[in-house]
Amino acid sequence: MGDRPVTLDFLAEQQATILTELRTMRDDLLVVSAILMRLDGTVSGLVQEVRAMHSQHARLSNRVRALEEKAP
């Protein structure tokens, strides 16, 4: 703070600065939350897609096994 006396004007300026920074942090938090929700949705979608591909692969393996068993 140096040589500047602590007055009500000084405290008001400091409070205004803090409130501005708080608004900025809230905006940043909203952006990060939105990104996180989007990523969570993406991961959930990927899990469903991998499960579907696993089922598809299992069915294909069963069909190939059945064909191999029929082959002379």
N, C-alpha and C. Protein backbone atom coordinates (compact mmCIF):
# COMPACT_ATOMS: atom_id res chain seq x y z
N MET A 1 0.83 -1.18 0.00
CA MET A 1 0.00 0.00 0.00
C MET A 1 0.87 1.24 0.00
N GLY A 2 2.02 1.19 0.56
CA GLY A 2 2.95 2.30 0.48
C GLY A 2 2.51 3.51 1.29
N ASP A 3 2.61 4.69 0.64
CA ASP A 3 2.32 5.95 1.32
C ASP A 3 0.86 6.34 1.26
N ARG A 4 0.06 5.61 0.56
CA ARG A 4 -1.35 5.99 0.38
C ARG A 4 -2.13 5.69 1.66
N PRO A 5 -2.87 6.66 2.18
CA PRO A 5 -3.65 6.43 3.39
C PRO A 5 -4.88 5.57 3.09
N VAL A 6 -5.32 4.84 4.05
CA VAL A 6 -6.50 4.00 3.89
C VAL A 6 -7.72 4.87 4.19
N THR A 7 -8.45 5.18 3.12
CA THR A 7 -9.65 6.01 3.25
C THR A 7 -10.84 5.19 2.75
N LEU A 8 -12.01 5.75 2.92
CA LEU A 8 -13.20 5.07 2.42
C LEU A 8 -13.18 4.97 0.90
N ASP A 9 -12.64 5.99 0.24
CA ASP A 9 -12.52 5.93 -1.22
C ASP A 9 -11.59 4.79 -1.64
N PHE A 10 -10.48 4.65 -0.96
CA PHE A 10 -9.54 3.57 -1.25
C PHE A 10 -10.21 2.22 -1.06
N LEU A 11 -10.92 2.06 0.07
CA LEU A 11 -11.61 0.79 0.33
C LEU A 11 -12.70 0.52 -0.71
N ALA A 12 -13.39 1.56 -1.16
CA ALA A 12 -14.42 1.41 -2.19
C ALA A 12 -13.80 0.94 -3.51
N GLU A 13 -12.64 1.51 -3.86
CA GLU A 13 -11.94 1.09 -5.08
C GLU A 13 -11.53 -0.38 -4.98
N GLN A 14 -11.00 -0.76 -3.83
CA GLN A 14 -10.58 -2.14 -3.63
C GLN A 14 -11.77 -3.10 -3.73
N GLN A 15 -12.88 -2.69 -3.13
CA GLN A 15 -14.08 -3.53 -3.18
C GLN A 15 -14.58 -3.67 -4.62
N ALA A 16 -14.55 -2.57 -5.37
CA ALA A 16 -14.98 -2.61 -6.77
C ALA A 16 -14.08 -3.55 -7.57
N THR A 17 -12.78 -3.51 -7.30
CA THR A 17 -11.84 -4.40 -7.98
C THR A 17 -12.14 -5.86 -7.65
N ILE A 18 -12.40 -6.13 -6.40
CA ILE A 18 -12.69 -7.50 -5.97
C ILE A 18 -13.99 -7.99 -6.62
N LEU A 19 -15.01 -7.14 -6.67
CA LEU A 19 -16.28 -7.54 -7.28
C LEU A 19 -16.12 -7.81 -8.78
N THR A 20 -15.30 -7.00 -9.44
CA THR A 20 -15.04 -7.22 -10.86
C THR A 20 -14.34 -8.56 -11.08
N GLU A 21 -13.34 -8.85 -10.26
CA GLU A 21 -12.63 -10.12 -10.38
C GLU A 21 -13.54 -11.30 -10.05
N LEU A 22 -14.44 -11.11 -9.11
CA LEU A 22 -15.40 -12.17 -8.76
C LEU A 22 -16.33 -12.46 -9.92
N ARG A 23 -16.81 -11.41 -10.60
CA ARG A 23 -17.67 -11.62 -11.77
C ARG A 23 -16.92 -12.37 -12.87
N THR A 24 -15.65 -12.02 -13.06
CA THR A 24 -14.83 -12.70 -14.06
C THR A 24 -14.66 -14.17 -13.71
N MET A 25 -14.39 -14.45 -12.45
CA MET A 25 -14.23 -15.85 -12.03
C MET A 25 -15.53 -16.62 -12.18
N ARG A 26 -16.66 -16.00 -11.90
CA ARG A 26 -17.95 -16.68 -12.10
C ARG A 26 -18.16 -17.01 -13.56
N ASP A 27 -17.86 -16.07 -14.45
CA ASP A 27 -17.98 -16.33 -15.89
C ASP A 27 -17.07 -17.47 -16.31
N ASP A 28 -15.83 -17.46 -15.82
CA ASP A 28 -14.89 -18.54 -16.13
C ASP A 28 -15.40 -19.87 -15.63
N LEU A 29 -15.97 -19.88 -14.44
CA LEU A 29 -16.50 -21.12 -13.86
C LEU A 29 -17.66 -21.66 -14.70
N LEU A 30 -18.52 -20.76 -15.18
CA LEU A 30 -19.62 -21.20 -16.04
C LEU A 30 -19.11 -21.83 -17.33
N VAL A 31 -18.06 -21.23 -17.91
CA VAL A 31 -17.49 -21.77 -19.14
C VAL A 31 -16.88 -23.14 -18.89
N VAL A 32 -16.10 -23.26 -17.82
CA VAL A 32 -15.46 -24.54 -17.50
C VAL A 32 -16.52 -25.60 -17.19
N SER A 33 -17.58 -25.21 -16.49
CA SER A 33 -18.67 -26.17 -16.19
C SER A 33 -19.34 -26.65 -17.47
N ALA A 34 -19.57 -25.73 -18.40
CA ALA A 34 -20.19 -26.12 -19.67
C ALA A 34 -19.29 -27.07 -20.45
N ILE A 35 -17.99 -26.79 -20.46
CA ILE A 35 -17.04 -27.67 -21.15
C ILE A 35 -17.05 -29.05 -20.51
N LEU A 36 -17.04 -29.08 -19.18
CA LEU A 36 -17.04 -30.35 -18.46
C LEU A 36 -18.31 -31.15 -18.74
N MET A 37 -19.46 -30.48 -18.78
CA MET A 37 -20.71 -31.18 -19.07
C MET A 37 -20.70 -31.74 -20.49
N ARG A 38 -20.13 -30.97 -21.42
CA ARG A 38 -20.05 -31.45 -22.80
C ARG A 38 -19.14 -32.67 -22.88
N LEU A 39 -18.00 -32.61 -22.21
CA LEU A 39 -17.09 -33.76 -22.21
C LEU A 39 -17.72 -34.98 -21.56
N ASP A 40 -18.47 -34.76 -20.48
CA ASP A 40 -19.13 -35.87 -19.81
C ASP A 40 -20.13 -36.53 -20.76
N GLY A 41 -20.87 -35.72 -21.49
CA GLY A 41 -21.81 -36.27 -22.47
C GLY A 41 -21.09 -37.03 -23.57
N THR A 42 -19.94 -36.52 -23.99
CA THR A 42 -19.16 -37.19 -25.03
C THR A 42 -18.66 -38.54 -24.53
N VAL A 43 -18.15 -38.57 -23.30
CA VAL A 43 -17.65 -39.83 -22.74
C VAL A 43 -18.79 -40.84 -22.61
N SER A 44 -19.95 -40.38 -22.14
CA SER A 44 -21.09 -41.29 -22.02
C SER A 44 -21.48 -41.86 -23.38
N GLY A 45 -21.46 -41.01 -24.39
CA GLY A 45 -21.77 -41.47 -25.74
C GLY A 45 -20.76 -42.48 -26.25
N LEU A 46 -19.49 -42.24 -25.94
CA LEU A 46 -18.45 -43.17 -26.36
C LEU A 46 -18.59 -44.52 -25.67
N VAL A 47 -18.96 -44.50 -24.40
CA VAL A 47 -19.15 -45.76 -23.67
C VAL A 47 -20.27 -46.57 -24.32
N GLN A 48 -21.36 -45.91 -24.66
CA GLN A 48 -22.47 -46.62 -25.31
C GLN A 48 -22.04 -47.16 -26.67
N GLU A 49 -21.27 -46.36 -27.40
CA GLU A 49 -20.81 -46.80 -28.72
C GLU A 49 -19.88 -48.01 -28.61
N VAL A 50 -18.98 -48.02 -27.64
CA VAL A 50 -18.07 -49.15 -27.45
C VAL A 50 -18.86 -50.40 -27.05
N ARG A 51 -19.85 -50.24 -26.20
CA ARG A 51 -20.67 -51.40 -25.81
C ARG A 51 -21.40 -51.97 -27.02
N ALA A 52 -21.93 -51.10 -27.86
CA ALA A 52 -22.63 -51.57 -29.07
C ALA A 52 -21.65 -52.29 -30.00
N MET A 53 -20.46 -51.74 -30.15
CA MET A 53 -19.46 -52.38 -31.01
C MET A 53 -19.03 -53.72 -30.43
N HIS A 54 -18.94 -53.81 -29.11
CA HIS A 54 -18.59 -55.08 -28.48
C HIS A 54 -19.66 -56.13 -28.77
N SER A 55 -20.92 -55.75 -28.65
CA SER A 55 -22.02 -56.68 -28.96
C SER A 55 -21.97 -57.11 -30.42
N GLN A 56 -21.71 -56.16 -31.29
CA GLN A 56 -21.63 -56.46 -32.71
C GLN A 56 -20.49 -57.45 -32.98
N HIS A 57 -19.35 -57.20 -32.37
CA HIS A 57 -18.20 -58.09 -32.54
C HIS A 57 -18.50 -59.48 -31.99
N ALA A 58 -19.17 -59.54 -30.85
CA ALA A 58 -19.51 -60.84 -30.25
C ALA A 58 -20.45 -61.63 -31.18
N ARG A 59 -21.43 -60.94 -31.77
CA ARG A 59 -22.35 -61.62 -32.71
C ARG A 59 -21.59 -62.13 -33.93
N LEU A 60 -20.68 -61.30 -34.45
CA LEU A 60 -19.89 -61.71 -35.61
C LEU A 60 -19.02 -62.92 -35.26
N SER A 61 -18.42 -62.90 -34.08
CA SER A 61 -17.60 -64.04 -33.65
C SER A 61 -18.43 -65.31 -33.56
N ASN A 62 -19.65 -65.19 -33.04
CA ASN A 62 -20.54 -66.35 -32.94
C ASN A 62 -20.89 -66.89 -34.33
N ARG A 63 -21.13 -66.00 -35.29
CA ARG A 63 -21.46 -66.44 -36.64
C ARG A 63 -20.26 -67.14 -37.29
N VAL A 64 -19.07 -66.58 -37.11
CA VAL A 64 -17.87 -67.19 -37.69
C VAL A 64 -17.64 -68.56 -37.05
N ARG A 65 -17.79 -68.64 -35.74
CA ARG A 65 -17.61 -69.92 -35.04
C ARG A 65 -18.60 -70.97 -35.57
N ALA A 66 -19.85 -70.56 -35.79
CA ALA A 66 -20.86 -71.49 -36.31
C ALA A 66 -20.48 -71.95 -37.71
N LEU A 67 -19.97 -71.06 -38.53
CA LEU A 67 -19.55 -71.45 -39.88
C LEU A 67 -18.36 -72.39 -39.84
N GLU A 68 -17.45 -72.13 -38.95
CA GLU A 68 -16.26 -73.00 -38.82
C GLU A 68 -16.68 -74.41 -38.37
N GLU A 69 -17.67 -74.47 -37.51
CA GLU A 69 -18.14 -75.78 -37.03
C GLU A 69 -18.85 -76.56 -38.13
N LYS A 70 -19.48 -75.88 -39.06
CA LYS A 70 -20.18 -76.53 -40.18
C LYS A 70 -19.20 -77.00 -41.25
N ALA A 71 -18.07 -76.32 -41.37
CA ALA A 71 -17.12 -76.63 -42.44
C ALA A 71 -16.56 -78.03 -42.26
N PRO A 72 -16.37 -78.74 -43.40
CA PRO A 72 -15.87 -80.11 -43.33
C PRO A 72 -14.42 -80.20 -42.90
